[in-house]
Amino acid sequence: MLGIINFEVFLLTAILLNLTPGTDTMYIISRSISQGRMAGIYSALGISAGIVVHTFLAAFGLSVILMQSTFLFNLIKIAGAIYLAYLGMKMIIIKNETKEQQPLPKQSNKKIFLQGMITNVTNPKVALFFLAFLPQFIHTHSSVSTPTPFIILGLTFTLTGGIWCLITAYFSSLATKKLRGNFKVSIVLNKLSGIVFIAMGIKLLQTKPA
C-alpha cells in the first residue's frame, strides 16, 4: 500500500507507544492541574502540531535519500533498528523513579499551544525517533519514492497520539491519580514497548540491504 509494509504492526506499535506515559503526558497533566481541562487540551493540540512538523521534516528528508540511494536508505534503516533496540533496552531496565508533578505557571491558551508545539519540535529525541521508526515500515523496493508513505505513517502516529493526549487532558484528574498512585501499569507498558523495539531491531538486522 503506497510503499508501506506491515501497516497493522505499525498501528499497533504506535498505539502502544502512545499509551506509554512520557514527558508529553506529564506535561499535559501538569497544565490541566494548573489551569484546567482546556489548558490540557491546548497542550495536547500543541504537542500534536509538533509531531506533524517532525512528520514532514522526516518525510521529505528520508524520501530524498530513498530517491538518491536505496543502499544508503537501507543503511539508515539498519542504524535506526540499532537505535530502536537501544531504546528498547533502556525501557526494559528503567527503574521506577517518579516525581511529584508541580503545577506549571498560568498562561494564555495560545501560549500554551505554542509552548507545547515548540517543546516537541525542539526535542532532538523526537526527531531521532521519527528518523529511526518510520523507515522500518517503508518498502525500499517499491516504485513509490515520494514523501507520501512517510506522511501517512507520521500522520497516523499523530492521530493515535493526539487522541490519547486529548483523553488524558479531558480526564486529567483521574489520570493524575492513576499515575501518582500506581506506576505498575506504566512500568509494564514501558517494558512491552521495549520488547517491541528490540524485536523490530532484530528483525531488520536479519534482513540484507537491497
C-alpha atoms as a PDB file:
ATOM      1  CA  MET A   1       0.000   0.000   0.000  1.00  0.00           C
ATOM      2  CA  LEU A   2       1.761   3.118  -1.298  1.00  0.00           C
ATOM      3  CA  GLY A   3       5.141   1.657  -0.399  1.00  0.00           C
ATOM      4  CA  ILE A   4       4.118   0.919   3.207  1.00  0.00           C
ATOM      5  CA  ILE A   5       4.722  -2.518   4.699  1.00  0.00           C
ATOM      6  CA  ASN A   6       3.292  -4.060   7.879  1.00  0.00           C
ATOM      7  CA  PHE A   7       0.900  -1.165   8.452  1.00  0.00           C
ATOM      8  CA  GLU A   8      -1.057  -3.177  11.007  1.00  0.00           C
ATOM      9  CA  VAL A   9       2.127  -3.712  13.028  1.00  0.00           C
ATOM     10  CA  PHE A  10       2.887  -0.004  12.768  1.00  0.00           C
ATOM     11  CA  LEU A  11      -0.593   0.917  14.007  1.00  0.00           C
ATOM     12  CA  LEU A  12      -0.447  -1.440  16.985  1.00  0.00           C
ATOM     13  CA  THR A  13       3.063  -0.245  17.872  1.00  0.00           C
ATOM     14  CA  ALA A  14       2.032   3.402  17.583  1.00  0.00           C
ATOM     15  CA  ILE A  15      -0.929   2.852  19.910  1.00  0.00           C
ATOM     16  CA  LEU A  16       1.248   1.020  22.432  1.00  0.00           C
ATOM     17  CA  LEU A  17       3.884   3.750  22.359  1.00  0.00           C
ATOM     18  CA  ASN A  18       1.314   6.495  22.763  1.00  0.00           C
ATOM     19  CA  LEU A  19      -0.201   4.718  25.762  1.00  0.00           C
ATOM     20  CA  THR A  20       3.214   4.632  27.436  1.00  0.00           C
ATOM     21  CA  PRO A  21       3.346   7.591  29.870  1.00  0.00           C
ATOM     22  CA  GLY A  22       6.120  10.005  28.949  1.00  0.00           C
ATOM     23  CA  THR A  23       7.118  13.653  29.195  1.00  0.00           C
ATOM     24  CA  ASP A  24       4.284  14.765  26.888  1.00  0.00           C
ATOM     25  CA  THR A  25       1.701  13.015  29.050  1.00  0.00           C
ATOM     26  CA  MET A  26       3.068  14.516  32.248  1.00  0.00           C
ATOM     27  CA  TYR A  27       3.250  17.959  30.625  1.00  0.00           C
ATOM     28  CA  ILE A  28      -0.433  17.759  29.654  1.00  0.00           C
ATOM     29  CA  ILE A  29      -1.400  16.622  33.133  1.00  0.00           C
ATOM     30  CA  SER A  30       0.595  19.449  34.716  1.00  0.00           C
ATOM     31  CA  ARG A  31      -1.146  22.001  32.524  1.00  0.00           C
ATOM     32  CA  SER A  32      -4.533  20.500  33.315  1.00  0.00           C
ATOM     33  CA  ILE A  33      -3.795  20.679  37.030  1.00  0.00           C
ATOM     34  CA  SER A  34      -2.620  24.283  36.968  1.00  0.00           C
ATOM     35  CA  GLN A  35      -5.130  25.787  34.530  1.00  0.00           C
ATOM     36  CA  GLY A  36      -7.884  23.283  33.977  1.00  0.00           C
ATOM     37  CA  ARG A  37      -9.101  20.970  31.262  1.00  0.00           C
ATOM     38  CA  MET A  38      -8.930  23.461  28.363  1.00  0.00           C
ATOM     39  CA  ALA A  39      -5.291  24.206  29.108  1.00  0.00           C
ATOM     40  CA  GLY A  40      -4.601  20.487  28.924  1.00  0.00           C
ATOM     41  CA  ILE A  41      -6.442  20.246  25.614  1.00  0.00           C
ATOM     42  CA  TYR A  42      -4.461  23.139  24.123  1.00  0.00           C
ATOM     43  CA  SER A  43      -1.272  21.474  25.341  1.00  0.00           C
ATOM     44  CA  ALA A  44      -2.308  18.253  23.612  1.00  0.00           C
ATOM     45  CA  LEU A  45      -3.052  20.115  20.377  1.00  0.00           C
ATOM     46  CA  GLY A  46       0.304  21.898  20.550  1.00  0.00           C
ATOM     47  CA  ILE A  47       2.200  18.656  21.056  1.00  0.00           C
ATOM     48  CA  SER A  48       0.292  17.054  18.164  1.00  0.00           C
ATOM     49  CA  ALA A  49       1.202  20.016  15.951  1.00  0.00           C
ATOM     50  CA  GLY A  50       4.844  19.466  16.873  1.00  0.00           C
ATOM     51  CA  ILE A  51       4.607  15.817  15.821  1.00  0.00           C
ATOM     52  CA  VAL A  52       3.165  16.911  12.465  1.00  0.00           C
ATOM     53  CA  VAL A  53       6.221  19.132  11.953  1.00  0.00           C
ATOM     54  CA  HIS A  54       8.514  16.186  12.716  1.00  0.00           C
ATOM     55  CA  THR A  55       6.487  14.071  10.287  1.00  0.00           C
ATOM     56  CA  PHE A  56       7.026  16.403   7.344  1.00  0.00           C
ATOM     57  CA  LEU A  57      10.690  17.028   8.153  1.00  0.00           C
ATOM     58  CA  ALA A  58      11.369  13.298   8.315  1.00  0.00           C
ATOM     59  CA  ALA A  59       9.172  12.531   5.304  1.00  0.00           C
ATOM     60  CA  PHE A  60      10.841  14.900   2.868  1.00  0.00           C
ATOM     61  CA  GLY A  61      14.351  14.230   4.147  1.00  0.00           C
ATOM     62  CA  LEU A  62      14.023  10.445   4.025  1.00  0.00           C
ATOM     63  CA  SER A  63      12.212  10.432   0.676  1.00  0.00           C
ATOM     64  CA  VAL A  64      15.077  12.411  -0.883  1.00  0.00           C
ATOM     65  CA  ILE A  65      17.564   9.876   0.491  1.00  0.00           C
ATOM     66  CA  LEU A  66      15.459   6.997  -0.870  1.00  0.00           C
ATOM     67  CA  MET A  67      15.350   8.600  -4.318  1.00  0.00           C
ATOM     68  CA  GLN A  68      19.109   9.140  -4.317  1.00  0.00           C
ATOM     69  CA  SER A  69      20.247   5.799  -2.946  1.00  0.00           C
ATOM     70  CA  THR A  70      18.324   2.717  -1.870  1.00  0.00           C
ATOM     71  CA  PHE A  71      21.508   1.305  -0.329  1.00  0.00           C
ATOM     72  CA  LEU A  72      22.011   4.419   1.806  1.00  0.00           C
ATOM     73  CA  PHE A  73      18.367   4.293   2.855  1.00  0.00           C
ATOM     74  CA  ASN A  74      18.840   0.676   3.941  1.00  0.00           C
ATOM     75  CA  LEU A  75      21.863   1.709   5.984  1.00  0.00           C
ATOM     76  CA  ILE A  76      19.696   4.318   7.692  1.00  0.00           C
ATOM     77  CA  LYS A  77      17.103   1.626   8.396  1.00  0.00           C
ATOM     78  CA  ILE A  78      19.751  -0.591   9.998  1.00  0.00           C
ATOM     79  CA  ALA A  79      21.123   2.308  12.049  1.00  0.00           C
ATOM     80  CA  GLY A  80      17.551   3.082  13.076  1.00  0.00           C
ATOM     81  CA  ALA A  81      16.995  -0.547  14.075  1.00  0.00           C
ATOM     82  CA  ILE A  82      20.058  -0.423  16.326  1.00  0.00           C
ATOM     83  CA  TYR A  83      18.789   2.820  17.876  1.00  0.00           C
ATOM     84  CA  LEU A  84      15.336   1.311  18.476  1.00  0.00           C
ATOM     85  CA  ALA A  85      16.927  -1.754  20.091  1.00  0.00           C
ATOM     86  CA  TYR A  86      18.940   0.580  22.327  1.00  0.00           C
ATOM     87  CA  LEU A  87      15.772   2.432  23.330  1.00  0.00           C
ATOM     88  CA  GLY A  88      14.084  -0.901  23.957  1.00  0.00           C
ATOM     89  CA  MET A  89      16.817  -1.987  26.346  1.00  0.00           C
ATOM     90  CA  LYS A  90      16.526   1.300  28.218  1.00  0.00           C
ATOM     91  CA  MET A  91      12.761   0.848  28.535  1.00  0.00           C
ATOM     92  CA  ILE A  92      13.117  -2.686  29.873  1.00  0.00           C
ATOM     93  CA  ILE A  93      15.695  -1.820  32.555  1.00  0.00           C
ATOM     94  CA  ILE A  94      14.145   1.521  33.510  1.00  0.00           C
ATOM     95  CA  LYS A  95      13.578   1.994  37.207  1.00  0.00           C
ATOM     96  CA  ASN A  96      10.501   3.422  38.857  1.00  0.00           C
ATOM     97  CA  GLU A  97      11.871   6.880  39.567  1.00  0.00           C
ATOM     98  CA  THR A  98       8.846   9.152  39.701  1.00  0.00           C
ATOM     99  CA  LYS A  99       8.477  12.663  40.937  1.00  0.00           C
ATOM    100  CA  GLU A 100       5.548  14.697  42.068  1.00  0.00           C
ATOM    101  CA  GLN A 101       4.217  16.898  39.299  1.00  0.00           C
ATOM    102  CA  GLN A 102       4.429  20.563  40.164  1.00  0.00           C
ATOM    103  CA  PRO A 103       1.736  22.834  38.702  1.00  0.00           C
ATOM    104  CA  LEU A 104       3.054  25.000  35.873  1.00  0.00           C
ATOM    105  CA  PRO A 105       2.580  28.787  35.887  1.00  0.00           C
ATOM    106  CA  LYS A 106      -0.629  30.014  34.294  1.00  0.00           C
ATOM    107  CA  GLN A 107      -0.510  31.217  30.687  1.00  0.00           C
ATOM    108  CA  SER A 108      -2.950  32.006  27.891  1.00  0.00           C
ATOM    109  CA  ASN A 109      -4.256  29.150  25.765  1.00  0.00           C
ATOM    110  CA  LYS A 110      -2.358  30.485  22.751  1.00  0.00           C
ATOM    111  CA  LYS A 111       0.922  30.480  24.647  1.00  0.00           C
ATOM    112  CA  ILE A 112       0.192  27.013  25.999  1.00  0.00           C
ATOM    113  CA  PHE A 113      -0.393  25.718  22.453  1.00  0.00           C
ATOM    114  CA  LEU A 114       2.793  27.324  21.122  1.00  0.00           C
ATOM    115  CA  GLN A 115       4.820  26.154  24.095  1.00  0.00           C
ATOM    116  CA  GLY A 116       3.629  22.572  23.631  1.00  0.00           C
ATOM    117  CA  MET A 117       4.456  22.671  19.917  1.00  0.00           C
ATOM    118  CA  ILE A 118       7.883  24.289  20.378  1.00  0.00           C
ATOM    119  CA  THR A 119       8.789  21.913  23.189  1.00  0.00           C
ATOM    120  CA  ASN A 120       8.036  18.955  20.933  1.00  0.00           C
ATOM    121  CA  VAL A 121       9.630  20.370  17.768  1.00  0.00           C
ATOM    122  CA  THR A 122      12.890  21.252  19.524  1.00  0.00           C
ATOM    123  CA  ASN A 123      13.201  17.869  21.219  1.00  0.00           C
ATOM    124  CA  PRO A 124      16.031  16.054  19.382  1.00  0.00           C
ATOM    125  CA  LYS A 125      14.896  12.709  20.807  1.00  0.00           C
ATOM    126  CA  VAL A 126      11.596  13.008  18.916  1.00  0.00           C
ATOM    127  CA  ALA A 127      13.420  13.799  15.663  1.00  0.00           C
ATOM    128  CA  LEU A 128      15.767  10.822  16.125  1.00  0.00           C
ATOM    129  CA  PHE A 129      12.837   8.565  16.923  1.00  0.00           C
ATOM    130  CA  PHE A 130      10.987   9.500  13.744  1.00  0.00           C
ATOM    131  CA  LEU A 131      14.113   9.018  11.636  1.00  0.00           C
ATOM    132  CA  ALA A 132      14.586   5.583  13.183  1.00  0.00           C
ATOM    133  CA  PHE A 133      10.950   4.465  13.365  1.00  0.00           C
ATOM    134  CA  LEU A 134       9.321   5.458  10.068  1.00  0.00           C
ATOM    135  CA  PRO A 135      11.822   3.783   7.675  1.00  0.00           C
ATOM    136  CA  GLN A 136      11.121   0.382   9.254  1.00  0.00           C
ATOM    137  CA  PHE A 137       7.724   0.351   7.530  1.00  0.00           C
ATOM    138  CA  ILE A 138       8.767   1.618   4.081  1.00  0.00           C
ATOM    139  CA  HIS A 139       9.365  -0.867   1.268  1.00  0.00           C
ATOM    140  CA  THR A 140      12.680   0.087  -0.322  1.00  0.00           C
ATOM    141  CA  HIS A 141      11.888  -1.974  -3.449  1.00  0.00           C
ATOM    142  CA  SER A 142       8.686  -0.046  -4.088  1.00  0.00           C
ATOM    143  CA  SER A 143       8.411   2.363  -7.004  1.00  0.00           C
ATOM    144  CA  VAL A 144       6.968   4.895  -4.577  1.00  0.00           C
ATOM    145  CA  SER A 145       9.745   7.371  -3.802  1.00  0.00           C
ATOM    146  CA  THR A 146       7.622  10.330  -2.777  1.00  0.00           C
ATOM    147  CA  PRO A 147       7.096  11.538   0.807  1.00  0.00           C
ATOM    148  CA  THR A 148       3.553  10.073   0.721  1.00  0.00           C
ATOM    149  CA  PRO A 149       4.176   6.841   2.691  1.00  0.00           C
ATOM    150  CA  PHE A 150       6.203   8.685   5.318  1.00  0.00           C
ATOM    151  CA  ILE A 151       3.479  11.307   5.693  1.00  0.00           C
ATOM    152  CA  ILE A 152       0.759   8.652   6.006  1.00  0.00           C
ATOM    153  CA  LEU A 153       2.696   6.850   8.741  1.00  0.00           C
ATOM    154  CA  GLY A 154       3.553  10.067  10.550  1.00  0.00           C
ATOM    155  CA  LEU A 155       0.006  11.389  10.474  1.00  0.00           C
ATOM    156  CA  THR A 156      -1.281   8.016  11.666  1.00  0.00           C
ATOM    157  CA  PHE A 157       1.100   8.235  14.614  1.00  0.00           C
ATOM    158  CA  THR A 158      -0.022  11.818  15.199  1.00  0.00           C
ATOM    159  CA  LEU A 159      -3.695  10.821  15.128  1.00  0.00           C
ATOM    160  CA  THR A 160      -3.332   7.972  17.618  1.00  0.00           C
ATOM    161  CA  GLY A 161      -1.137  10.116  19.858  1.00  0.00           C
ATOM    162  CA  GLY A 162      -3.447  13.119  19.584  1.00  0.00           C
ATOM    163  CA  ILE A 163      -6.481  11.089  20.599  1.00  0.00           C
ATOM    164  CA  TRP A 164      -4.653   9.739  23.644  1.00  0.00           C
ATOM    165  CA  CYS A 165      -3.382  13.197  24.607  1.00  0.00           C
ATOM    166  CA  LEU A 166      -6.900  14.640  24.397  1.00  0.00           C
ATOM    167  CA  ILE A 167      -8.261  11.796  26.501  1.00  0.00           C
ATOM    168  CA  THR A 168      -5.501  12.437  29.042  1.00  0.00           C
ATOM    169  CA  ALA A 169      -6.326  16.131  29.132  1.00  0.00           C
ATOM    170  CA  TYR A 170     -10.070  15.509  29.468  1.00  0.00           C
ATOM    171  CA  PHE A 171      -9.695  13.043  32.308  1.00  0.00           C
ATOM    172  CA  SER A 172      -6.695  14.782  33.821  1.00  0.00           C
ATOM    173  CA  SER A 173      -7.811  14.442  37.420  1.00  0.00           C
ATOM    174  CA  LEU A 174      -8.364  10.705  37.117  1.00  0.00           C
ATOM    175  CA  ALA A 175      -5.182  10.242  35.102  1.00  0.00           C
ATOM    176  CA  THR A 176      -3.161  12.117  37.714  1.00  0.00           C
ATOM    177  CA  LYS A 177      -4.393   9.853  40.478  1.00  0.00           C
ATOM    178  CA  LYS A 178      -3.608   6.775  38.456  1.00  0.00           C
ATOM    179  CA  LEU A 179      -0.132   7.940  37.519  1.00  0.00           C
ATOM    180  CA  ARG A 180       0.719   9.044  41.035  1.00  0.00           C
ATOM    181  CA  GLY A 181      -0.912   6.203  42.906  1.00  0.00           C
ATOM    182  CA  ASN A 182       0.083   3.182  40.822  1.00  0.00           C
ATOM    183  CA  PHE A 183       3.007   3.242  38.422  1.00  0.00           C
ATOM    184  CA  LYS A 184       2.966  -0.500  37.828  1.00  0.00           C
ATOM    185  CA  VAL A 185       0.917  -0.079  34.657  1.00  0.00           C
ATOM    186  CA  SER A 186       3.337   2.476  33.198  1.00  0.00           C
ATOM    187  CA  ILE A 187       6.314   0.249  34.027  1.00  0.00           C
ATOM    188  CA  VAL A 188       4.663  -2.710  32.276  1.00  0.00           C
ATOM    189  CA  LEU A 189       3.872  -0.566  29.213  1.00  0.00           C
ATOM    190  CA  ASN A 190       7.475   0.641  29.106  1.00  0.00           C
ATOM    191  CA  LYS A 191       8.757  -2.928  29.177  1.00  0.00           C
ATOM    192  CA  LEU A 192       6.286  -4.050  26.493  1.00  0.00           C
ATOM    193  CA  SER A 193       7.338  -1.153  24.272  1.00  0.00           C
ATOM    194  CA  GLY A 194      10.975  -2.053  24.894  1.00  0.00           C
ATOM    195  CA  ILE A 195      10.373  -5.637  23.785  1.00  0.00           C
ATOM    196  CA  VAL A 196       8.636  -4.404  20.630  1.00  0.00           C
ATOM    197  CA  PHE A 197      11.563  -2.090  19.803  1.00  0.00           C
ATOM    198  CA  ILE A 198      14.131  -4.847  20.291  1.00  0.00           C
ATOM    199  CA  ALA A 199      12.088  -7.286  18.190  1.00  0.00           C
ATOM    200  CA  MET A 200      11.847  -4.727  15.384  1.00  0.00           C
ATOM    201  CA  GLY A 201      15.576  -4.114  15.533  1.00  0.00           C
ATOM    202  CA  ILE A 202      16.465  -7.818  15.427  1.00  0.00           C
ATOM    203  CA  LYS A 203      14.070  -8.464  12.543  1.00  0.00           C
ATOM    204  CA  LEU A 204      15.545  -5.691  10.434  1.00  0.00           C
ATOM    205  CA  LEU A 205      19.156  -6.570  11.228  1.00  0.00           C
ATOM    206  CA  GLN A 206      18.450 -10.051   9.858  1.00  0.00           C
ATOM    207  CA  THR A 207      17.397  -8.502   6.551  1.00  0.00           C
ATOM    208  CA  LYS A 208      20.132  -7.939   3.985  1.00  0.00           C
ATOM    209  CA  PRO A 209      20.416  -4.408   2.496  1.00  0.00           C
ATOM    210  CA  ALA A 210      18.962  -4.089  -1.008  1.00  0.00           C
END
